[in-house]
Full PDB file with SEQRES, HELIX, SHEET, SSBOND, CRYST1, ORIGX, SCALE, CONECT and MASTER records, all heavy atoms in Angstrom:
SEQRES   1 A   36  ASN GLU HIS GLN PHE HIS SER VAL ASN LEU GLU LYS ASP          
SEQRES   2 A   36  ARG ARG ILE ARG ILE TYR THR PRO HIS GLY TYR LYS LYS          
SEQRES   3 A   36  GLY ASN ARG PRO TYR LYS TYR LEU VAL LEU                      
SHEET    1 AA1 2 GLU A   2  SER A   7  0                                        
SHEET    2 AA1 2 LYS A  12  ARG A  17 -1                                        
CRYST1    1.000    1.000    1.000  90.00  90.00  90.00 P 1           1          
ORIGX1      1.000000  0.000000  0.000000        0.00000                         
ORIGX2      0.000000  1.000000  0.000000        0.00000                         
ORIGX3      0.000000  0.000000  1.000000        0.00000                         
SCALE1      1.000000  0.000000  0.000000        0.00000                         
SCALE2      0.000000  1.000000  0.000000        0.00000                         
SCALE3      0.000000  0.000000  1.000000        0.00000                         
ATOM      1  N   ASN A   1     -49.719  -0.704  49.180  1.00  0.00           N  
ATOM      2  CA  ASN A   1     -50.650   0.462  49.317  1.00  0.00           C  
ATOM      3  C   ASN A   1     -50.046   1.475  50.293  1.00  0.00           C  
ATOM      4  O   ASN A   1     -49.527   1.100  51.388  1.00  0.00           O  
ATOM      5  CB  ASN A   1     -52.018  -0.010  49.827  1.00  0.00           C  
ATOM      6  CG  ASN A   1     -52.737  -0.847  48.820  1.00  0.00           C  
ATOM      7  OD1 ASN A   1     -52.976  -0.397  47.684  1.00  0.00           O  
ATOM      8  ND2 ASN A   1     -53.091  -2.061  49.162  1.00  0.00           N  
ATOM      9  N   GLU A   2     -50.108   2.727  49.946  1.00  0.00           N  
ATOM     10  CA  GLU A   2     -49.576   3.788  50.770  1.00  0.00           C  
ATOM     11  C   GLU A   2     -50.701   4.581  51.378  1.00  0.00           C  
ATOM     12  O   GLU A   2     -51.664   4.954  50.739  1.00  0.00           O  
ATOM     13  CB  GLU A   2     -48.637   4.686  49.958  1.00  0.00           C  
ATOM     14  CG  GLU A   2     -47.906   5.697  50.783  1.00  0.00           C  
ATOM     15  CD  GLU A   2     -46.833   6.454  50.012  1.00  0.00           C  
ATOM     16  OE1 GLU A   2     -45.822   5.819  49.656  1.00  0.00           O  
ATOM     17  OE2 GLU A   2     -47.029   7.642  49.728  1.00  0.00           O  
ATOM     18  N   HIS A   3     -50.514   4.874  52.664  1.00  0.00           N  
ATOM     19  CA  HIS A   3     -51.593   5.642  53.436  1.00  0.00           C  
ATOM     20  C   HIS A   3     -50.881   6.761  54.201  1.00  0.00           C  
ATOM     21  O   HIS A   3     -49.718   6.725  54.496  1.00  0.00           O  
ATOM     22  CB  HIS A   3     -52.290   4.709  54.437  1.00  0.00           C  
ATOM     23  CG  HIS A   3     -52.869   3.477  53.803  1.00  0.00           C  
ATOM     24  ND1 HIS A   3     -54.120   3.445  53.258  1.00  0.00           N  
ATOM     25  CD2 HIS A   3     -52.314   2.229  53.663  1.00  0.00           C  
ATOM     26  CE1 HIS A   3     -54.384   2.222  52.804  1.00  0.00           C  
ATOM     27  NE2 HIS A   3     -53.275   1.478  53.039  1.00  0.00           N  
ATOM     28  N   GLN A   4     -51.700   7.782  54.513  1.00  0.00           N  
ATOM     29  CA  GLN A   4     -51.226   8.914  55.348  1.00  0.00           C  
ATOM     30  C   GLN A   4     -51.858   8.767  56.733  1.00  0.00           C  
ATOM     31  O   GLN A   4     -53.044   8.613  56.861  1.00  0.00           O  
ATOM     32  CB  GLN A   4     -51.619  10.259  54.709  1.00  0.00           C  
ATOM     33  CG  GLN A   4     -50.918  10.579  53.433  1.00  0.00           C  
ATOM     34  CD  GLN A   4     -49.478  10.934  53.635  1.00  0.00           C  
ATOM     35  OE1 GLN A   4     -49.077  11.358  54.699  1.00  0.00           O  
ATOM     36  NE2 GLN A   4     -48.663  10.724  52.616  1.00  0.00           N  
ATOM     37  N   PHE A   5     -50.960   8.806  57.730  1.00  0.00           N  
ATOM     38  CA  PHE A   5     -51.428   8.691  59.096  1.00  0.00           C  
ATOM     39  C   PHE A   5     -51.008   9.977  59.847  1.00  0.00           C  
ATOM     40  O   PHE A   5     -49.854  10.323  59.849  1.00  0.00           O  
ATOM     41  CB  PHE A   5     -50.798   7.475  59.774  1.00  0.00           C  
ATOM     42  CG  PHE A   5     -51.050   7.420  61.290  1.00  0.00           C  
ATOM     43  CD1 PHE A   5     -52.279   7.035  61.767  1.00  0.00           C  
ATOM     44  CD2 PHE A   5     -50.046   7.727  62.180  1.00  0.00           C  
ATOM     45  CE1 PHE A   5     -52.544   7.008  63.137  1.00  0.00           C  
ATOM     46  CE2 PHE A   5     -50.261   7.713  63.554  1.00  0.00           C  
ATOM     47  CZ  PHE A   5     -51.512   7.320  64.045  1.00  0.00           C  
ATOM     48  N   HIS A   6     -51.988  10.649  60.457  1.00  0.00           N  
ATOM     49  CA  HIS A   6     -51.671  11.859  61.161  1.00  0.00           C  
ATOM     50  C   HIS A   6     -51.280  11.502  62.602  1.00  0.00           C  
ATOM     51  O   HIS A   6     -52.088  10.952  63.372  1.00  0.00           O  
ATOM     52  CB  HIS A   6     -52.802  12.832  61.173  1.00  0.00           C  
ATOM     53  CG  HIS A   6     -52.523  14.091  61.874  1.00  0.00           C  
ATOM     54  ND1 HIS A   6     -51.674  15.091  61.338  1.00  0.00           N  
ATOM     55  CD2 HIS A   6     -52.901  14.560  63.122  1.00  0.00           C  
ATOM     56  CE1 HIS A   6     -51.571  16.061  62.184  1.00  0.00           C  
ATOM     57  NE2 HIS A   6     -52.283  15.809  63.255  1.00  0.00           N  
ATOM     58  N   SER A   7     -50.076  11.829  62.971  1.00  0.00           N  
ATOM     59  CA  SER A   7     -49.596  11.559  64.344  1.00  0.00           C  
ATOM     60  C   SER A   7     -49.845  12.797  65.226  1.00  0.00           C  
ATOM     61  O   SER A   7     -49.364  13.845  64.957  1.00  0.00           O  
ATOM     62  CB  SER A   7     -48.110  11.245  64.353  1.00  0.00           C  
ATOM     63  OG  SER A   7     -47.589  11.180  65.617  1.00  0.00           O  
ATOM     64  N   VAL A   8     -50.616  12.555  66.255  1.00  0.00           N  
ATOM     65  CA  VAL A   8     -50.953  13.674  67.185  1.00  0.00           C  
ATOM     66  C   VAL A   8     -49.692  14.030  67.953  1.00  0.00           C  
ATOM     67  O   VAL A   8     -49.405  15.225  68.194  1.00  0.00           O  
ATOM     68  CB  VAL A   8     -52.072  13.265  68.172  1.00  0.00           C  
ATOM     69  CG1 VAL A   8     -52.327  14.334  69.162  1.00  0.00           C  
ATOM     70  CG2 VAL A   8     -53.345  12.964  67.406  1.00  0.00           C  
ATOM     71  N   ASN A   9     -48.913  13.032  68.356  1.00  0.00           N  
ATOM     72  CA  ASN A   9     -47.706  13.307  69.144  1.00  0.00           C  
ATOM     73  C   ASN A   9     -46.644  14.027  68.339  1.00  0.00           C  
ATOM     74  O   ASN A   9     -45.992  14.963  68.852  1.00  0.00           O  
ATOM     75  CB  ASN A   9     -47.084  11.987  69.666  1.00  0.00           C  
ATOM     76  CG  ASN A   9     -48.013  11.323  70.675  1.00  0.00           C  
ATOM     77  OD1 ASN A   9     -48.778  11.992  71.409  1.00  0.00           O  
ATOM     78  ND2 ASN A   9     -47.947  10.015  70.781  1.00  0.00           N  
ATOM     79  N   LEU A  10     -46.458  13.659  67.077  1.00  0.00           N  
ATOM     80  CA  LEU A  10     -45.459  14.312  66.217  1.00  0.00           C  
ATOM     81  C   LEU A  10     -46.009  15.564  65.539  1.00  0.00           C  
ATOM     82  O   LEU A  10     -45.242  16.320  65.013  1.00  0.00           O  
ATOM     83  CB  LEU A  10     -44.966  13.328  65.148  1.00  0.00           C  
ATOM     84  CG  LEU A  10     -44.221  12.116  65.678  1.00  0.00           C  
ATOM     85  CD1 LEU A  10     -43.862  11.192  64.498  1.00  0.00           C  
ATOM     86  CD2 LEU A  10     -42.953  12.463  66.444  1.00  0.00           C  
ATOM     87  N   GLU A  11     -47.332  15.686  65.519  1.00  0.00           N  
ATOM     88  CA  GLU A  11     -47.999  16.850  64.941  1.00  0.00           C  
ATOM     89  C   GLU A  11     -47.649  16.938  63.452  1.00  0.00           C  
ATOM     90  O   GLU A  11     -47.359  17.989  62.922  1.00  0.00           O  
ATOM     91  CB  GLU A  11     -47.620  18.166  65.612  1.00  0.00           C  
ATOM     92  CG  GLU A  11     -48.017  18.216  67.115  1.00  0.00           C  
ATOM     93  CD  GLU A  11     -47.658  19.539  67.761  1.00  0.00           C  
ATOM     94  OE1 GLU A  11     -46.931  20.308  67.161  1.00  0.00           O  
ATOM     95  OE2 GLU A  11     -48.196  19.802  68.854  1.00  0.00           O  
ATOM     96  N   LYS A  12     -47.682  15.783  62.797  1.00  0.00           N  
ATOM     97  CA  LYS A  12     -47.402  15.766  61.350  1.00  0.00           C  
ATOM     98  C   LYS A  12     -47.951  14.457  60.765  1.00  0.00           C  
ATOM     99  O   LYS A  12     -48.230  13.510  61.501  1.00  0.00           O  
ATOM    100  CB  LYS A  12     -45.892  15.845  61.080  1.00  0.00           C  
ATOM    101  CG  LYS A  12     -45.129  14.703  61.702  1.00  0.00           C  
ATOM    102  CD  LYS A  12     -43.593  14.945  61.657  1.00  0.00           C  
ATOM    103  CE  LYS A  12     -43.036  14.998  60.281  1.00  0.00           C  
ATOM    104  NZ  LYS A  12     -41.544  15.076  60.293  1.00  0.00           N  
ATOM    105  N   ASP A  13     -48.051  14.449  59.413  1.00  0.00           N  
ATOM    106  CA  ASP A  13     -48.462  13.211  58.749  1.00  0.00           C  
ATOM    107  C   ASP A  13     -47.262  12.341  58.511  1.00  0.00           C  
ATOM    108  O   ASP A  13     -46.179  12.786  58.271  1.00  0.00           O  
ATOM    109  CB  ASP A  13     -49.119  13.561  57.390  1.00  0.00           C  
ATOM    110  CG  ASP A  13     -50.449  14.248  57.573  1.00  0.00           C  
ATOM    111  OD1 ASP A  13     -51.073  14.052  58.657  1.00  0.00           O  
ATOM    112  OD2 ASP A  13     -50.911  14.946  56.634  1.00  0.00           O  
ATOM    113  N   ARG A  14     -47.505  11.010  58.621  1.00  0.00           N  
ATOM    114  CA  ARG A  14     -46.472  10.022  58.332  1.00  0.00           C  
ATOM    115  C   ARG A  14     -46.986   9.055  57.253  1.00  0.00           C  
ATOM    116  O   ARG A  14     -48.144   8.753  57.208  1.00  0.00           O  
ATOM    117  CB  ARG A  14     -46.103   9.208  59.586  1.00  0.00           C  
ATOM    118  CG  ARG A  14     -45.584  10.086  60.723  1.00  0.00           C  
ATOM    119  CD  ARG A  14     -44.216  10.691  60.364  1.00  0.00           C  
ATOM    120  NE  ARG A  14     -43.231   9.708  60.187  1.00  0.00           N  
ATOM    121  CZ  ARG A  14     -42.419   9.259  61.135  1.00  0.00           C  
ATOM    122  NH1 ARG A  14     -42.526   9.719  62.414  1.00  0.00           N  
ATOM    123  NH2 ARG A  14     -41.497   8.374  60.877  1.00  0.00           N  
ATOM    124  N   ARG A  15     -46.060   8.585  56.444  1.00  0.00           N  
ATOM    125  CA  ARG A  15     -46.380   7.611  55.422  1.00  0.00           C  
ATOM    126  C   ARG A  15     -46.402   6.227  56.057  1.00  0.00           C  
ATOM    127  O   ARG A  15     -45.522   5.860  56.766  1.00  0.00           O  
ATOM    128  CB  ARG A  15     -45.436   7.658  54.259  1.00  0.00           C  
ATOM    129  CG  ARG A  15     -45.420   8.846  53.439  1.00  0.00           C  
ATOM    130  CD  ARG A  15     -44.472   8.701  52.261  1.00  0.00           C  
ATOM    131  NE  ARG A  15     -44.348   9.938  51.477  1.00  0.00           N  
ATOM    132  CZ  ARG A  15     -43.617  10.036  50.364  1.00  0.00           C  
ATOM    133  NH1 ARG A  15     -42.947   8.961  49.946  1.00  0.00           N  
ATOM    134  NH2 ARG A  15     -43.567  11.161  49.682  1.00  0.00           N  
ATOM    135  N   ILE A  16     -47.419   5.454  55.719  1.00  0.00           N  
ATOM    136  CA  ILE A  16     -47.473   4.037  56.153  1.00  0.00           C  
ATOM    137  C   ILE A  16     -47.724   3.226  54.876  1.00  0.00           C  
ATOM    138  O   ILE A  16     -48.623   3.468  54.095  1.00  0.00           O  
ATOM    139  CB  ILE A  16     -48.621   3.808  57.120  1.00  0.00           C  
ATOM    140  CG1 ILE A  16     -48.319   4.521  58.430  1.00  0.00           C  
ATOM    141  CG2 ILE A  16     -48.744   2.301  57.396  1.00  0.00           C  
ATOM    142  CD1 ILE A  16     -49.416   4.305  59.487  1.00  0.00           C  
ATOM    143  N   ARG A  17     -46.843   2.243  54.627  1.00  0.00           N  
ATOM    144  CA  ARG A  17     -46.959   1.430  53.409  1.00  0.00           C  
ATOM    145  C   ARG A  17     -47.236  -0.008  53.864  1.00  0.00           C  
ATOM    146  O   ARG A  17     -46.536  -0.574  54.720  1.00  0.00           O  
ATOM    147  CB  ARG A  17     -45.647   1.513  52.610  1.00  0.00           C  
ATOM    148  CG  ARG A  17     -45.482   2.832  51.946  1.00  0.00           C  
ATOM    149  CD  ARG A  17     -44.115   3.046  51.335  1.00  0.00           C  
ATOM    150  NE  ARG A  17     -43.098   3.208  52.354  1.00  0.00           N  
ATOM    151  CZ  ARG A  17     -42.842   4.327  53.020  1.00  0.00           C  
ATOM    152  NH1 ARG A  17     -43.535   5.395  52.760  1.00  0.00           N  
ATOM    153  NH2 ARG A  17     -41.902   4.345  53.929  1.00  0.00           N  
ATOM    154  N   ILE A  18     -48.277  -0.572  53.280  1.00  0.00           N  
ATOM    155  CA  ILE A  18     -48.707  -1.934  53.630  1.00  0.00           C  
ATOM    156  C   ILE A  18     -48.604  -2.792  52.400  1.00  0.00           C  
ATOM    157  O   ILE A  18     -49.208  -2.504  51.351  1.00  0.00           O  
ATOM    158  CB  ILE A  18     -50.172  -1.936  54.140  1.00  0.00           C  
ATOM    159  CG1 ILE A  18     -50.298  -1.053  55.411  1.00  0.00           C  
ATOM    160  CG2 ILE A  18     -50.645  -3.343  54.445  1.00  0.00           C  
ATOM    161  CD1 ILE A  18     -51.658  -0.879  55.923  1.00  0.00           C  
ATOM    162  N   TYR A  19     -47.873  -3.872  52.555  1.00  0.00           N  
ATOM    163  CA  TYR A  19     -47.688  -4.844  51.447  1.00  0.00           C  
ATOM    164  C   TYR A  19     -48.602  -6.047  51.732  1.00  0.00           C  
ATOM    165  O   TYR A  19     -48.535  -6.623  52.815  1.00  0.00           O  
ATOM    166  CB  TYR A  19     -46.224  -5.370  51.403  1.00  0.00           C  
ATOM    167  CG  TYR A  19     -46.040  -6.498  50.394  1.00  0.00           C  
ATOM    168  CD1 TYR A  19     -45.887  -6.250  49.061  1.00  0.00           C  
ATOM    169  CD2 TYR A  19     -46.057  -7.811  50.854  1.00  0.00           C  
ATOM    170  CE1 TYR A  19     -45.751  -7.310  48.151  1.00  0.00           C  
ATOM    171  CE2 TYR A  19     -45.908  -8.871  49.945  1.00  0.00           C  
ATOM    172  CZ  TYR A  19     -45.760  -8.634  48.632  1.00  0.00           C  
ATOM    173  OH  TYR A  19     -45.636  -9.646  47.743  1.00  0.00           O  
ATOM    174  N   THR A  20     -49.407  -6.366  50.739  1.00  0.00           N  
ATOM    175  CA  THR A  20     -50.245  -7.548  50.851  1.00  0.00           C  
ATOM    176  C   THR A  20     -49.844  -8.545  49.793  1.00  0.00           C  
ATOM    177  O   THR A  20     -49.560  -8.165  48.626  1.00  0.00           O  
ATOM    178  CB  THR A  20     -51.766  -7.190  50.682  1.00  0.00           C  
ATOM    179  OG1 THR A  20     -51.942  -6.465  49.505  1.00  0.00           O  
ATOM    180  CG2 THR A  20     -52.226  -6.371  51.885  1.00  0.00           C  
ATOM    181  N   PRO A  21     -49.770  -9.835  50.085  1.00  0.00           N  
ATOM    182  CA  PRO A  21     -49.284 -10.801  49.107  1.00  0.00           C  
ATOM    183  C   PRO A  21     -50.255 -11.026  47.966  1.00  0.00           C  
ATOM    184  O   PRO A  21     -51.412 -10.641  47.976  1.00  0.00           O  
ATOM    185  CB  PRO A  21     -49.116 -12.095  49.980  1.00  0.00           C  
ATOM    186  CG  PRO A  21     -50.105 -11.871  51.076  1.00  0.00           C  
ATOM    187  CD  PRO A  21     -50.134 -10.418  51.377  1.00  0.00           C  
ATOM    188  N   HIS A  22     -49.739 -11.734  46.965  1.00  0.00           N  
ATOM    189  CA  HIS A  22     -50.517 -12.040  45.778  1.00  0.00           C  
ATOM    190  C   HIS A  22     -51.750 -12.872  46.204  1.00  0.00           C  
ATOM    191  O   HIS A  22     -51.699 -13.820  46.978  1.00  0.00           O  
ATOM    192  CB  HIS A  22     -49.664 -12.885  44.788  1.00  0.00           C  
ATOM    193  CG  HIS A  22     -50.413 -13.351  43.596  1.00  0.00           C  
ATOM    194  ND1 HIS A  22     -50.777 -12.489  42.589  1.00  0.00           N  
ATOM    195  CD2 HIS A  22     -50.904 -14.567  43.241  1.00  0.00           C  
ATOM    196  CE1 HIS A  22     -51.453 -13.144  41.651  1.00  0.00           C  
ATOM    197  NE2 HIS A  22     -51.538 -14.425  42.061  1.00  0.00           N  
ATOM    198  N   GLY A  23     -52.870 -12.474  45.704  1.00  0.00           N  
ATOM    199  CA  GLY A  23     -54.142 -13.180  45.976  1.00  0.00           C  
ATOM    200  C   GLY A  23     -54.776 -12.783  47.316  1.00  0.00           C  
ATOM    201  O   GLY A  23     -55.750 -13.426  47.730  1.00  0.00           O  
ATOM    202  N   TYR A  24     -54.226 -11.761  47.994  1.00  0.00           N  
ATOM    203  CA  TYR A  24     -54.778 -11.364  49.300  1.00  0.00           C  
ATOM    204  C   TYR A  24     -56.186 -10.879  49.163  1.00  0.00           C  
ATOM    205  O   TYR A  24     -56.589 -10.170  48.229  1.00  0.00           O  
ATOM    206  CB  TYR A  24     -53.937 -10.232  49.878  1.00  0.00           C  
ATOM    207  CG  TYR A  24     -54.505  -9.593  51.105  1.00  0.00           C  
ATOM    208  CD1 TYR A  24     -54.350 -10.215  52.371  1.00  0.00           C  
ATOM    209  CD2 TYR A  24     -55.279  -8.460  50.986  1.00  0.00           C  
ATOM    210  CE1 TYR A  24     -54.896  -9.614  53.480  1.00  0.00           C  
ATOM    211  CE2 TYR A  24     -55.801  -7.840  52.150  1.00  0.00           C  
ATOM    212  CZ  TYR A  24     -55.632  -8.444  53.356  1.00  0.00           C  
ATOM    213  OH  TYR A  24     -56.198  -7.870  54.505  1.00  0.00           O  
ATOM    214  N   LYS A  25     -57.070 -11.305  50.086  1.00  0.00           N  
ATOM    215  CA  LYS A  25     -58.450 -10.868  50.152  1.00  0.00           C  
ATOM    216  C   LYS A  25     -58.824 -10.593  51.594  1.00  0.00           C  
ATOM    217  O   LYS A  25     -58.549 -11.346  52.494  1.00  0.00           O  
ATOM    218  CB  LYS A  25     -59.393 -11.911  49.549  1.00  0.00           C  
ATOM    219  CG  LYS A  25     -59.196 -12.155  48.092  1.00  0.00           C  
ATOM    220  CD  LYS A  25     -60.170 -13.197  47.584  1.00  0.00           C  
ATOM    221  CE  LYS A  25     -60.032 -13.466  46.082  1.00  0.00           C  
ATOM    222  NZ  LYS A  25     -60.967 -14.495  45.584  1.00  0.00           N  
ATOM    223  N   LYS A  26     -59.546  -9.452  51.777  1.00  0.00           N  
ATOM    224  CA  LYS A  26     -60.052  -9.169  53.109  1.00  0.00           C  
ATOM    225  C   LYS A  26     -61.087 -10.235  53.479  1.00  0.00           C  
ATOM    226  O   LYS A  26     -61.854 -10.712  52.643  1.00  0.00           O  
ATOM    227  CB  LYS A  26     -60.704  -7.797  53.145  1.00  0.00           C  
ATOM    228  CG  LYS A  26     -59.715  -6.635  53.220  1.00  0.00           C  
ATOM    229  CD  LYS A  26     -60.484  -5.297  53.367  1.00  0.00           C  
ATOM    230  CE  LYS A  26     -59.524  -4.179  53.526  1.00  0.00           C  
ATOM    231  NZ  LYS A  26     -60.214  -2.884  53.748  1.00  0.00           N  
ATOM    232  N   GLY A  27     -61.083 -10.580  54.747  1.00  0.00           N  
ATOM    233  CA  GLY A  27     -62.063 -11.545  55.186  1.00  0.00           C  
ATOM    234  C   GLY A  27     -61.674 -12.953  54.883  1.00  0.00           C  
ATOM    235  O   GLY A  27     -62.427 -13.894  55.230  1.00  0.00           O  
ATOM    236  N   ASN A  28     -60.505 -13.147  54.286  1.00  0.00           N  
ATOM    237  CA  ASN A  28     -60.018 -14.477  54.000  1.00  0.00           C  
ATOM    238  C   ASN A  28     -59.352 -15.040  55.276  1.00  0.00           C  
ATOM    239  O   ASN A  28     -59.465 -14.443  56.352  1.00  0.00           O  
ATOM    240  CB  ASN A  28     -59.063 -14.457  52.799  1.00  0.00           C  
ATOM    241  CG  ASN A  28     -58.949 -15.788  52.099  1.00  0.00           C  
ATOM    242  OD1 ASN A  28     -59.412 -16.794  52.657  1.00  0.00           O  
ATOM    243  ND2 ASN A  28     -58.385 -15.839  50.948  1.00  0.00           N  
ATOM    244  N   ARG A  29     -58.630 -16.103  55.142  1.00  0.00           N  
ATOM    245  CA  ARG A  29     -57.945 -16.691  56.309  1.00  0.00           C  
ATOM    246  C   ARG A  29     -56.990 -15.689  56.931  1.00  0.00           C  
ATOM    247  O   ARG A  29     -56.528 -14.765  56.272  1.00  0.00           O  
ATOM    248  CB  ARG A  29     -57.150 -17.907  55.831  1.00  0.00           C  
ATOM    249  CG  ARG A  29     -56.103 -17.615  54.753  1.00  0.00           C  
ATOM    250  CD  ARG A  29     -55.323 -18.857  54.377  1.00  0.00           C  
ATOM    251  NE  ARG A  29     -54.415 -18.549  53.288  1.00  0.00           N  
ATOM    252  CZ  ARG A  29     -53.242 -17.984  53.417  1.00  0.00           C  
ATOM    253  NH1 ARG A  29     -52.825 -17.622  54.622  1.00  0.00           N  
ATOM    254  NH2 ARG A  29     -52.463 -17.787  52.409  1.00  0.00           N  
ATOM    255  N   PRO A  30     -56.602 -15.889  58.180  1.00  0.00           N  
ATOM    256  CA  PRO A  30     -55.663 -14.920  58.820  1.00  0.00           C  
ATOM    257  C   PRO A  30     -54.272 -14.978  58.126  1.00  0.00           C  
ATOM    258  O   PRO A  30     -53.862 -16.039  57.671  1.00  0.00           O  
ATOM    259  CB  PRO A  30     -55.562 -15.474  60.259  1.00  0.00           C  
ATOM    260  CG  PRO A  30     -56.830 -16.227  60.464  1.00  0.00           C  
ATOM    261  CD  PRO A  30     -57.139 -16.843  59.126  1.00  0.00           C  
ATOM    262  N   TYR A  31     -53.644 -13.821  58.066  1.00  0.00           N  
ATOM    263  CA  TYR A  31     -52.324 -13.745  57.490  1.00  0.00           C  
ATOM    264  C   TYR A  31     -51.320 -13.397  58.554  1.00  0.00           C  
ATOM    265  O   TYR A  31     -51.613 -12.607  59.491  1.00  0.00           O  
ATOM    266  CB  TYR A  31     -52.254 -12.675  56.400  1.00  0.00           C  
ATOM    267  CG  TYR A  31     -52.998 -13.035  55.152  1.00  0.00           C  
ATOM    268  CD1 TYR A  31     -54.359 -12.840  55.018  1.00  0.00           C  
ATOM    269  CD2 TYR A  31     -52.321 -13.566  54.019  1.00  0.00           C  
ATOM    270  CE1 TYR A  31     -55.056 -13.187  53.860  1.00  0.00           C  
ATOM    271  CE2 TYR A  31     -52.975 -13.911  52.895  1.00  0.00           C  
ATOM    272  CZ  TYR A  31     -54.364 -13.692  52.807  1.00  0.00           C  
ATOM    273  OH  TYR A  31     -55.001 -14.039  51.646  1.00  0.00           O  
ATOM    274  N   LYS A  32     -50.130 -13.943  58.489  1.00  0.00           N  
ATOM    275  CA  LYS A  32     -49.042 -13.487  59.322  1.00  0.00           C  
ATOM    276  C   LYS A  32     -48.585 -12.120  58.895  1.00  0.00           C  
ATOM    277  O   LYS A  32     -48.745 -11.750  57.729  1.00  0.00           O  
ATOM    278  CB  LYS A  32     -47.848 -14.455  59.273  1.00  0.00           C  
ATOM    279  CG  LYS A  32     -48.183 -15.867  59.791  1.00  0.00           C  
ATOM    280  CD  LYS A  32     -46.986 -16.778  59.635  1.00  0.00           C  
ATOM    281  CE  LYS A  32     -47.369 -18.188  60.159  1.00  0.00           C  
ATOM    282  NZ  LYS A  32     -46.185 -19.107  60.079  1.00  0.00           N  
ATOM    283  N   TYR A  33     -48.005 -11.341  59.813  1.00  0.00           N  
ATOM    284  CA  TYR A  33     -47.606 -10.002  59.393  1.00  0.00           C  
ATOM    285  C   TYR A  33     -46.277  -9.614  60.064  1.00  0.00           C  
ATOM    286  O   TYR A  33     -45.876 -10.186  61.115  1.00  0.00           O  
ATOM    287  CB  TYR A  33     -48.675  -8.985  59.760  1.00  0.00           C  
ATOM    288  CG  TYR A  33     -48.873  -8.723  61.215  1.00  0.00           C  
ATOM    289  CD1 TYR A  33     -48.226  -7.655  61.874  1.00  0.00           C  
ATOM    290  CD2 TYR A  33     -49.687  -9.516  62.017  1.00  0.00           C  
ATOM    291  CE1 TYR A  33     -48.388  -7.435  63.209  1.00  0.00           C  
ATOM    292  CE2 TYR A  33     -49.905  -9.307  63.331  1.00  0.00           C  
ATOM    293  CZ  TYR A  33     -49.233  -8.251  63.930  1.00  0.00           C  
ATOM    294  OH  TYR A  33     -49.424  -8.010  65.306  1.00  0.00           O  
ATOM    295  N   LEU A  34     -45.574  -8.692  59.454  1.00  0.00           N  
ATOM    296  CA  LEU A  34     -44.272  -8.199  59.920  1.00  0.00           C  
ATOM    297  C   LEU A  34     -44.319  -6.648  59.912  1.00  0.00           C  
ATOM    298  O   LEU A  34     -44.753  -6.078  58.944  1.00  0.00           O  
ATOM    299  CB  LEU A  34     -43.185  -8.674  59.029  1.00  0.00           C  
ATOM    300  CG  LEU A  34     -41.795  -8.151  59.312  1.00  0.00           C  
ATOM    301  CD1 LEU A  34     -41.250  -8.672  60.641  1.00  0.00           C  
ATOM    302  CD2 LEU A  34     -40.839  -8.516  58.178  1.00  0.00           C  
ATOM    303  N   VAL A  35     -43.966  -6.057  61.040  1.00  0.00           N  
ATOM    304  CA  VAL A  35     -43.934  -4.604  61.138  1.00  0.00           C  
ATOM    305  C   VAL A  35     -42.509  -4.101  61.090  1.00  0.00           C  
ATOM    306  O   VAL A  35     -41.677  -4.592  61.838  1.00  0.00           O  
ATOM    307  CB  VAL A  35     -44.634  -4.173  62.431  1.00  0.00           C  
ATOM    308  CG1 VAL A  35     -44.565  -2.618  62.566  1.00  0.00           C  
ATOM    309  CG2 VAL A  35     -46.080  -4.621  62.475  1.00  0.00           C  
ATOM    310  N   LEU A  36     -42.252  -3.190  60.168  1.00  0.00           N  
ATOM    311  CA  LEU A  36     -40.914  -2.605  60.055  1.00  0.00           C  
ATOM    312  C   LEU A  36     -41.018  -1.093  60.389  1.00  0.00           C  
ATOM    313  O   LEU A  36     -41.856  -0.433  59.766  1.00  0.00           O  
ATOM    314  CB  LEU A  36     -40.365  -2.786  58.661  1.00  0.00           C  
ATOM    315  CG  LEU A  36     -40.235  -4.251  58.179  1.00  0.00           C  
ATOM    316  CD1 LEU A  36     -39.739  -4.264  56.734  1.00  0.00           C  
ATOM    317  CD2 LEU A  36     -39.296  -5.017  59.098  1.00  0.00           C  
TER     318      LEU A  36                                                      
MASTER        0    0    0    0    2    0    0    6  317    1    0    3          
END                                                                             
């Protein structure tokens, strides 16, 4: 999923892409995560 995040410091929008694994559900068990 791709999102737009407005950075106040950079004064511009930045793309943020979040990958969720197969079968992911909000409110389910905790997931490990990696930030790149």
